[in-house]
N, C-alpha and C. Protein backbone atom coordinates (compact mmCIF):
# COMPACT_ATOMS: atom_id res chain seq x y z
N MET A 1 0.83 -1.19 -0.02
CA MET A 1 -0.02 0.01 -0.01
C MET A 1 0.88 1.25 0.00
N HIS A 2 0.43 2.25 -0.73
CA HIS A 2 1.19 3.49 -0.80
C HIS A 2 0.31 4.60 -0.19
N TYR A 3 0.86 5.22 0.81
CA TYR A 3 0.17 6.30 1.50
C TYR A 3 0.75 7.64 1.09
N ASP A 4 -0.14 8.62 0.97
CA ASP A 4 0.33 9.97 0.68
C ASP A 4 0.95 10.54 1.96
N GLU A 5 2.20 10.99 1.90
CA GLU A 5 2.89 11.50 3.08
C GLU A 5 2.16 12.68 3.69
N GLN A 6 1.57 13.50 2.84
CA GLN A 6 0.86 14.69 3.36
C GLN A 6 -0.37 14.27 4.15
N ALA A 7 -1.09 13.27 3.69
CA ALA A 7 -2.25 12.78 4.40
C ALA A 7 -1.90 12.18 5.74
N VAL A 8 -0.79 11.43 5.76
CA VAL A 8 -0.31 10.81 7.01
C VAL A 8 0.11 11.91 7.99
N SER A 9 0.80 12.94 7.49
CA SER A 9 1.21 14.04 8.34
C SER A 9 0.01 14.78 8.91
N LEU A 10 -1.02 15.02 8.10
CA LEU A 10 -2.23 15.68 8.59
C LEU A 10 -2.95 14.86 9.62
N ALA A 11 -3.00 13.58 9.43
CA ALA A 11 -3.68 12.68 10.40
C ALA A 11 -2.88 12.69 11.71
N ARG A 12 -1.55 12.63 11.62
CA ARG A 12 -0.73 12.68 12.83
C ARG A 12 -0.95 13.98 13.58
N GLU A 13 -0.96 15.09 12.85
CA GLU A 13 -1.16 16.39 13.45
C GLU A 13 -2.54 16.52 14.11
N MET A 14 -3.55 15.92 13.43
CA MET A 14 -4.91 15.94 13.98
C MET A 14 -4.95 15.19 15.32
N LEU A 15 -4.28 14.03 15.39
CA LEU A 15 -4.27 13.28 16.66
C LEU A 15 -3.52 14.02 17.74
N LEU A 16 -2.42 14.66 17.39
CA LEU A 16 -1.67 15.44 18.39
C LEU A 16 -2.47 16.63 18.88
N ILE A 17 -3.17 17.32 18.03
CA ILE A 17 -4.01 18.45 18.44
C ILE A 17 -5.13 17.94 19.34
N THR A 18 -5.71 16.80 19.00
CA THR A 18 -6.77 16.24 19.85
C THR A 18 -6.24 15.94 21.26
N LEU A 19 -5.08 15.38 21.35
CA LEU A 19 -4.45 15.07 22.64
C LEU A 19 -4.14 16.34 23.42
N LYS A 20 -3.61 17.35 22.70
CA LYS A 20 -3.30 18.60 23.38
C LYS A 20 -4.53 19.31 23.89
N ILE A 21 -5.63 19.19 23.19
CA ILE A 21 -6.89 19.85 23.62
C ILE A 21 -7.48 19.07 24.78
N ALA A 22 -7.47 17.76 24.73
CA ALA A 22 -8.13 16.92 25.74
C ALA A 22 -7.32 16.87 27.03
N ALA A 23 -6.00 16.92 26.97
CA ALA A 23 -5.17 16.69 28.16
C ALA A 23 -5.44 17.67 29.30
N PRO A 24 -5.55 18.99 29.08
CA PRO A 24 -5.80 19.85 30.25
C PRO A 24 -7.20 19.62 30.87
N ILE A 25 -8.16 19.33 30.04
CA ILE A 25 -9.51 19.09 30.53
C ILE A 25 -9.55 17.81 31.35
N LEU A 26 -8.95 16.78 30.84
CA LEU A 26 -8.91 15.51 31.55
C LEU A 26 -8.02 15.62 32.80
N GLY A 27 -6.94 16.38 32.71
CA GLY A 27 -6.10 16.61 33.86
C GLY A 27 -6.84 17.28 35.00
N ALA A 28 -7.70 18.25 34.67
CA ALA A 28 -8.48 18.92 35.73
C ALA A 28 -9.41 17.94 36.39
N GLY A 29 -10.01 17.05 35.63
CA GLY A 29 -10.88 16.01 36.22
C GLY A 29 -10.10 15.04 37.06
N LEU A 30 -8.91 14.72 36.64
CA LEU A 30 -8.06 13.79 37.39
C LEU A 30 -7.65 14.39 38.75
N ILE A 31 -7.19 15.65 38.74
CA ILE A 31 -6.77 16.31 39.96
C ILE A 31 -7.94 16.45 40.91
N ILE A 32 -9.11 16.90 40.44
CA ILE A 32 -10.24 17.04 41.32
C ILE A 32 -10.69 15.67 41.84
N GLY A 33 -10.62 14.65 40.97
CA GLY A 33 -11.01 13.31 41.43
C GLY A 33 -10.07 12.79 42.53
N LEU A 34 -8.79 13.05 42.41
CA LEU A 34 -7.82 12.66 43.45
C LEU A 34 -8.08 13.39 44.75
N LEU A 35 -8.35 14.71 44.66
CA LEU A 35 -8.63 15.48 45.87
C LEU A 35 -9.91 15.02 46.56
N VAL A 36 -10.93 14.78 45.79
CA VAL A 36 -12.19 14.32 46.35
C VAL A 36 -12.02 12.92 46.97
N SER A 37 -11.27 12.06 46.32
CA SER A 37 -11.02 10.72 46.90
C SER A 37 -10.24 10.80 48.19
N LEU A 38 -9.29 11.75 48.23
CA LEU A 38 -8.55 11.94 49.47
C LEU A 38 -9.46 12.43 50.60
N VAL A 39 -10.30 13.35 50.30
CA VAL A 39 -11.26 13.86 51.29
C VAL A 39 -12.24 12.76 51.72
N GLN A 40 -12.66 11.96 50.79
CA GLN A 40 -13.58 10.86 51.09
C GLN A 40 -12.88 9.83 52.00
N SER A 41 -11.63 9.54 51.70
CA SER A 41 -10.96 8.52 52.56
C SER A 41 -10.66 9.09 53.95
N ILE A 42 -10.45 10.36 54.07
CA ILE A 42 -10.20 10.99 55.38
C ILE A 42 -11.50 11.00 56.20
N THR A 43 -12.59 11.36 55.55
CA THR A 43 -13.85 11.50 56.28
C THR A 43 -14.70 10.25 56.28
N SER A 44 -14.29 9.22 55.60
CA SER A 44 -15.02 7.95 55.51
C SER A 44 -16.40 8.11 54.86
N ILE A 45 -16.55 9.11 54.02
CA ILE A 45 -17.77 9.27 53.24
C ILE A 45 -17.56 8.60 51.91
N GLN A 46 -18.39 7.60 51.58
CA GLN A 46 -18.19 6.83 50.35
C GLN A 46 -19.37 6.97 49.43
N ASP A 47 -19.72 8.19 49.08
CA ASP A 47 -20.83 8.43 48.13
C ASP A 47 -20.27 8.62 46.73
N GLN A 48 -20.76 7.87 45.77
CA GLN A 48 -20.24 7.95 44.39
C GLN A 48 -20.53 9.28 43.74
N THR A 49 -21.68 9.85 44.00
CA THR A 49 -22.04 11.11 43.35
C THR A 49 -21.19 12.27 43.89
N LEU A 50 -20.64 12.11 45.04
CA LEU A 50 -19.78 13.17 45.61
C LEU A 50 -18.54 13.39 44.78
N SER A 51 -18.01 12.35 44.17
CA SER A 51 -16.83 12.48 43.35
C SER A 51 -17.18 12.85 41.89
N PHE A 52 -18.35 12.48 41.45
CA PHE A 52 -18.74 12.71 40.05
C PHE A 52 -19.03 14.17 39.79
N VAL A 53 -19.81 14.83 40.62
CA VAL A 53 -20.21 16.21 40.34
C VAL A 53 -19.04 17.19 40.32
N PRO A 54 -18.14 17.17 41.33
CA PRO A 54 -17.00 18.12 41.23
C PRO A 54 -16.09 17.89 40.02
N LYS A 55 -15.94 16.63 39.62
CA LYS A 55 -15.12 16.38 38.41
C LYS A 55 -15.77 17.00 37.16
N ILE A 56 -17.04 16.83 37.03
CA ILE A 56 -17.73 17.39 35.85
C ILE A 56 -17.69 18.91 35.87
N VAL A 57 -17.87 19.51 37.03
CA VAL A 57 -17.80 20.97 37.17
C VAL A 57 -16.40 21.46 36.80
N ALA A 58 -15.37 20.78 37.31
CA ALA A 58 -14.01 21.19 37.02
C ALA A 58 -13.68 21.05 35.55
N MET A 59 -14.17 19.98 34.93
CA MET A 59 -13.87 19.78 33.50
C MET A 59 -14.63 20.81 32.64
N ILE A 60 -15.84 21.16 33.00
CA ILE A 60 -16.57 22.20 32.25
C ILE A 60 -15.87 23.57 32.44
N ALA A 61 -15.43 23.83 33.66
CA ALA A 61 -14.73 25.11 33.92
C ALA A 61 -13.41 25.18 33.14
N ALA A 62 -12.69 24.08 33.12
CA ALA A 62 -11.43 24.05 32.35
C ALA A 62 -11.69 24.26 30.85
N ALA A 63 -12.73 23.60 30.36
CA ALA A 63 -13.07 23.76 28.93
C ALA A 63 -13.48 25.18 28.63
N ALA A 64 -14.22 25.82 29.54
CA ALA A 64 -14.70 27.19 29.32
C ALA A 64 -13.51 28.16 29.35
N LEU A 65 -12.57 27.93 30.27
CA LEU A 65 -11.38 28.78 30.37
C LEU A 65 -10.44 28.61 29.15
N LEU A 66 -10.39 27.41 28.65
CA LEU A 66 -9.46 27.14 27.53
C LEU A 66 -10.13 27.29 26.16
N LEU A 67 -11.37 27.69 26.14
CA LEU A 67 -12.12 27.77 24.88
C LEU A 67 -11.41 28.66 23.84
N PRO A 68 -10.91 29.85 24.14
CA PRO A 68 -10.22 30.62 23.12
C PRO A 68 -8.97 29.90 22.56
N TRP A 69 -8.23 29.24 23.39
CA TRP A 69 -7.06 28.52 22.91
C TRP A 69 -7.46 27.32 22.07
N ILE A 70 -8.53 26.62 22.45
CA ILE A 70 -9.02 25.47 21.70
C ILE A 70 -9.48 25.90 20.33
N VAL A 71 -10.25 27.00 20.27
CA VAL A 71 -10.75 27.53 19.00
C VAL A 71 -9.61 27.95 18.10
N ALA A 72 -8.61 28.60 18.68
CA ALA A 72 -7.44 29.01 17.89
C ALA A 72 -6.74 27.83 17.28
N LYS A 73 -6.53 26.78 18.06
CA LYS A 73 -5.88 25.55 17.53
C LYS A 73 -6.69 24.95 16.38
N LEU A 74 -8.03 24.82 16.58
CA LEU A 74 -8.86 24.22 15.58
C LEU A 74 -9.00 25.07 14.33
N VAL A 75 -9.03 26.38 14.47
CA VAL A 75 -9.09 27.28 13.30
C VAL A 75 -7.79 27.20 12.51
N ALA A 76 -6.66 27.16 13.22
CA ALA A 76 -5.37 27.04 12.51
C ALA A 76 -5.28 25.72 11.74
N TYR A 77 -5.74 24.65 12.34
CA TYR A 77 -5.73 23.33 11.67
C TYR A 77 -6.69 23.33 10.46
N ALA A 78 -7.85 23.91 10.67
CA ALA A 78 -8.82 23.95 9.56
C ALA A 78 -8.29 24.81 8.40
N GLY A 79 -7.63 25.90 8.74
CA GLY A 79 -7.01 26.72 7.70
C GLY A 79 -5.95 25.99 6.94
N GLN A 80 -5.17 25.21 7.67
CA GLN A 80 -4.13 24.39 7.00
C GLN A 80 -4.79 23.36 6.04
N LEU A 81 -5.84 22.72 6.49
CA LEU A 81 -6.55 21.76 5.66
C LEU A 81 -7.13 22.42 4.44
N LEU A 82 -7.77 23.58 4.61
CA LEU A 82 -8.41 24.26 3.47
C LEU A 82 -7.34 24.75 2.47
N SER A 83 -6.22 25.22 2.99
CA SER A 83 -5.18 25.70 2.07
C SER A 83 -4.62 24.54 1.26
N LEU A 84 -4.51 23.39 1.84
CA LEU A 84 -4.01 22.22 1.14
C LEU A 84 -5.08 21.72 0.13
N ALA A 85 -6.35 21.81 0.53
CA ALA A 85 -7.43 21.37 -0.38
C ALA A 85 -7.55 22.25 -1.60
N SER A 86 -7.41 23.56 -1.40
CA SER A 86 -7.51 24.51 -2.51
C SER A 86 -6.29 24.45 -3.42
N GLY A 87 -5.15 24.05 -2.89
CA GLY A 87 -3.92 23.98 -3.69
C GLY A 87 -3.81 22.66 -4.42
N ALA A 88 -4.64 21.68 -4.07
CA ALA A 88 -4.52 20.37 -4.71
C ALA A 88 -5.27 20.26 -6.00
């Protein structure tokens, strides 16, 4: 099989951008989850919803704070795709 190097490069860049966008949001959920688990183990409160709600709130807040950066990354990638499509 012969793959176009440009297509492989674009797919690789797409996956890297996806990881860069998802990592801070997932990291916020991870940190809040660890903190809530620590508090739960200290206080012996074992309610599942207690850990779920703060993680969701933290992840939504992280996504809202990072929205301009996320949009800039996606617009730059879309511009790169469109410029390659119009030049082909």
